[in-house]
Amino acid sequence: MVRNEARRTALLDAAIDVLAEEGARGLTYRAVDAKAGVPAGTASNYFANRDDLMSEVAIRVTQRLVPSDESIAQSLALPRDKSLTIRFMHDIVRRADADKACYLALMELRLEATRRPDLRTALTRTMADNLEFNISFNEESKLPGDRMTVILLYFAMTGFIYERLTLPDITEPMDLDEFIEVLVDRAIGSD
């Protein structure tokens, strides 16, 4: 059977919304079909089982959260210093705020991965590839900081975004600009 890639993407986007709204327990073929507005049974034609669907959702989440080529080019036209790293950290927060469903779905997938070894393997591979991409990007773009700097920023920003999305009263009183500047300064060091 020939698969329609646009429909497959729509199903994955619907699955992200279902995960964000209802959690992993609510992720059923029926719920995905309903959210995507397609006939019942469509999702099961595209994904062999829930683990397959969840693994593909993890990949789709990372695709949706990648900054545009235009945004990257604009940023890389600026001096490659600490202020550019601060700009990239702000961009991460903006993208998280703009697509909260992706981060919430990813949280659900991470929790579900603790109970599903196949999903854990797939999700680990996807997230490890994402981290390695960020490290390589930092090195190839000649941005300040080494491998460990990127790792520290990655985990700090991940934790911050999760708190911001799930318990916003903790992060709301913080000055976002100050938080990011101090984080980057401590990860990279002073000029």
Protein backbone atom coordinates (compact mmCIF):
# COMPACT_ATOMS: atom_id res chain seq x y z
CA MET A 1 0.00 0.00 0.00
CA VAL A 2 1.34 3.43 -0.96
CA ARG A 3 1.43 5.75 2.02
CA ASN A 4 0.46 9.37 1.84
CA GLU A 5 3.28 11.31 3.59
CA ALA A 6 1.08 14.35 4.22
CA ARG A 7 -1.49 12.15 5.95
CA ARG A 8 1.24 10.37 7.92
CA THR A 9 2.55 13.74 9.13
CA ALA A 10 -0.98 14.86 10.03
CA LEU A 11 -1.42 11.67 12.07
CA LEU A 12 1.85 12.29 13.91
CA ASP A 13 0.85 15.89 14.61
CA ALA A 14 -2.50 14.65 15.90
CA ALA A 15 -0.71 12.11 18.11
CA ILE A 16 1.41 14.94 19.56
CA ASP A 17 -1.77 16.83 20.43
CA VAL A 18 -3.35 13.73 21.97
CA LEU A 19 -0.25 13.09 24.11
CA ALA A 20 -0.16 16.71 25.23
CA GLU A 21 -3.86 16.83 26.06
CA GLU A 22 -4.59 13.33 27.37
CA GLY A 23 -1.24 11.75 28.22
CA ALA A 24 0.17 8.44 27.07
CA ARG A 25 -2.84 6.47 28.28
CA GLY A 26 -5.05 8.50 25.97
CA LEU A 27 -2.90 7.77 22.93
CA THR A 28 -4.99 5.28 20.96
CA TYR A 29 -5.43 4.81 17.24
CA ARG A 30 -9.03 5.93 17.66
CA ALA A 31 -8.00 9.14 19.46
CA VAL A 32 -5.36 9.93 16.81
CA ASP A 33 -7.82 9.29 13.97
CA ALA A 34 -10.42 11.53 15.63
CA LYS A 35 -7.91 14.34 16.29
CA ALA A 36 -6.62 14.13 12.70
CA GLY A 37 -10.17 14.06 11.31
CA VAL A 38 -9.57 10.89 9.30
CA PRO A 39 -11.62 7.69 9.04
CA ALA A 40 -11.36 5.20 11.89
CA GLY A 41 -8.57 2.71 11.28
CA THR A 42 -6.33 5.12 9.39
CA ALA A 43 -3.61 5.39 12.05
CA SER A 44 -3.35 1.61 12.32
CA ASN A 45 -2.53 1.50 8.60
CA TYR A 46 0.46 3.79 9.14
CA PHE A 47 1.84 2.56 12.47
CA ALA A 48 2.22 -1.12 13.34
CA ASN A 49 1.68 -0.62 17.09
CA ARG A 50 1.74 2.01 19.86
CA ASP A 51 5.52 1.71 20.30
CA ASP A 52 6.01 2.39 16.60
CA LEU A 53 3.64 5.36 16.79
CA MET A 54 5.36 6.77 19.88
CA SER A 55 8.83 6.33 18.37
CA GLU A 56 7.73 8.17 15.26
CA VAL A 57 6.14 10.91 17.37
CA ALA A 58 9.51 11.50 19.07
CA ILE A 59 11.12 12.05 15.68
CA ARG A 60 8.30 14.36 14.58
CA VAL A 61 8.60 16.40 17.79
CA THR A 62 12.27 17.08 17.11
CA GLN A 63 11.44 18.04 13.51
CA ARG A 64 8.82 20.53 14.66
CA LEU A 65 11.13 22.11 17.22
CA VAL A 66 14.08 22.68 14.88
CA PRO A 67 14.60 26.36 14.11
CA SER A 68 14.12 27.44 10.53
CA ASP A 69 17.10 27.66 8.21
CA GLU A 70 16.36 31.37 7.85
CA SER A 71 16.45 31.90 11.62
CA ILE A 72 19.76 30.03 11.92
CA ALA A 73 21.28 31.99 9.03
CA GLN A 74 20.22 35.30 10.59
CA SER A 75 21.74 34.30 13.91
CA LEU A 76 24.97 33.03 12.39
CA ALA A 77 25.42 36.37 10.59
CA LEU A 78 26.05 37.87 14.04
CA PRO A 79 29.37 37.71 15.93
CA ARG A 80 30.03 34.22 17.30
CA ASP A 81 30.25 35.18 20.94
CA LYS A 82 28.43 34.67 24.22
CA SER A 83 25.63 37.03 23.18
CA LEU A 84 24.86 34.73 20.25
CA THR A 85 24.61 31.76 22.61
CA ILE A 86 22.22 33.81 24.75
CA ARG A 87 20.19 34.54 21.61
CA PHE A 88 20.01 30.81 20.81
CA MET A 89 18.83 30.01 24.38
CA HIS A 90 16.08 32.64 24.07
CA ASP A 91 15.09 31.11 20.75
CA ILE A 92 14.72 27.70 22.41
CA VAL A 93 12.35 29.18 25.00
CA ARG A 94 10.37 31.01 22.29
CA ARG A 95 9.94 27.80 20.30
CA ALA A 96 8.87 25.92 23.44
CA ASP A 97 6.31 28.60 24.23
CA ALA A 98 5.06 28.56 20.63
CA ASP A 99 4.69 24.77 20.47
CA LYS A 100 3.95 23.65 24.02
CA ALA A 101 2.26 20.49 22.76
CA CYS A 102 5.58 19.17 21.45
CA TYR A 103 7.34 19.51 24.78
CA LEU A 104 4.39 18.11 26.72
CA ALA A 105 4.20 15.15 24.32
CA LEU A 106 7.91 14.58 24.74
CA MET A 107 7.50 14.54 28.52
CA GLU A 108 4.78 11.92 28.17
CA LEU A 109 7.01 9.85 25.87
CA ARG A 110 9.89 10.01 28.35
CA LEU A 111 7.65 8.78 31.15
CA GLU A 112 6.23 6.03 28.98
CA ALA A 113 9.76 5.01 27.96
CA THR A 114 10.47 4.02 31.56
CA ARG A 115 7.90 1.23 31.11
CA ARG A 116 8.49 0.29 27.46
CA PRO A 117 12.00 -0.92 26.59
CA ASP A 118 11.54 -0.60 22.80
CA LEU A 119 10.32 2.95 23.15
CA ARG A 120 13.17 3.71 25.53
CA THR A 121 15.67 2.48 22.93
CA ALA A 122 14.09 4.51 20.13
CA LEU A 123 13.66 7.64 22.23
CA THR A 124 17.20 7.41 23.58
CA ARG A 125 18.53 7.18 20.03
CA THR A 126 16.45 10.16 18.87
CA MET A 127 17.38 12.38 21.82
CA ALA A 128 21.06 11.35 21.77
CA ASP A 129 21.19 12.19 18.05
CA ASN A 130 19.61 15.56 18.84
CA LEU A 131 22.20 16.28 21.54
CA GLU A 132 25.07 15.25 19.24
CA PHE A 133 23.64 17.49 16.51
CA ASN A 134 23.68 20.44 18.93
CA ILE A 135 27.26 19.69 19.95
CA SER A 136 28.38 19.45 16.33
CA PHE A 137 26.49 22.62 15.42
CA ASN A 138 28.23 24.49 18.23
CA GLU A 139 31.66 23.24 17.15
CA GLU A 140 31.14 23.75 13.40
CA SER A 141 29.66 27.22 13.93
CA LYS A 142 32.61 28.13 16.13
CA LEU A 143 30.36 29.22 18.96
CA PRO A 144 31.91 29.67 22.41
CA GLY A 145 32.11 26.67 24.70
CA ASP A 146 33.11 23.08 24.32
CA ARG A 147 31.19 19.80 24.26
CA MET A 148 30.49 19.90 28.00
CA THR A 149 29.19 23.48 27.72
CA VAL A 150 26.59 22.36 25.20
CA ILE A 151 25.64 19.38 27.37
CA LEU A 152 25.22 21.63 30.42
CA LEU A 153 23.11 24.14 28.49
CA TYR A 154 21.04 21.35 26.93
CA PHE A 155 20.10 19.77 30.25
CA ALA A 156 19.62 23.10 32.03
CA MET A 157 17.30 24.40 29.30
CA THR A 158 15.39 21.11 29.13
CA GLY A 159 14.74 21.23 32.88
CA PHE A 160 13.84 24.91 32.80
CA ILE A 161 11.38 24.44 29.95
CA TYR A 162 9.72 21.50 31.69
CA GLU A 163 9.28 23.56 34.85
CA ARG A 164 8.01 26.50 32.78
CA LEU A 165 5.39 24.32 31.06
CA THR A 166 4.28 22.18 33.99
CA LEU A 167 4.71 24.44 37.02
CA PRO A 168 4.80 27.97 35.60
CA ASP A 169 4.33 29.58 39.02
CA ILE A 170 7.91 28.52 39.83
CA THR A 171 9.49 30.17 36.79
CA GLU A 172 7.07 33.06 36.25
CA PRO A 173 8.58 35.34 38.91
CA MET A 174 12.04 34.88 37.39
CA ASP A 175 13.51 37.40 35.00
CA LEU A 176 13.98 35.27 31.87
CA ASP A 177 16.71 37.49 30.46
CA GLU A 178 18.68 37.35 33.70
CA PHE A 179 18.22 33.59 34.03
CA ILE A 180 19.52 32.90 30.52
CA GLU A 181 22.40 35.37 30.80
CA VAL A 182 23.57 33.89 34.12
CA LEU A 183 23.14 30.34 32.82
CA VAL A 184 25.21 31.03 29.71
CA ASP A 185 27.79 33.01 31.67
CA ARG A 186 28.27 30.20 34.16
CA ALA A 187 28.39 27.52 31.45
CA ILE A 188 30.80 29.42 29.18
CA GLY A 189 32.65 31.57 31.68
CA SER A 190 33.32 35.28 31.68
CA ASP A 191 34.53 37.11 28.61
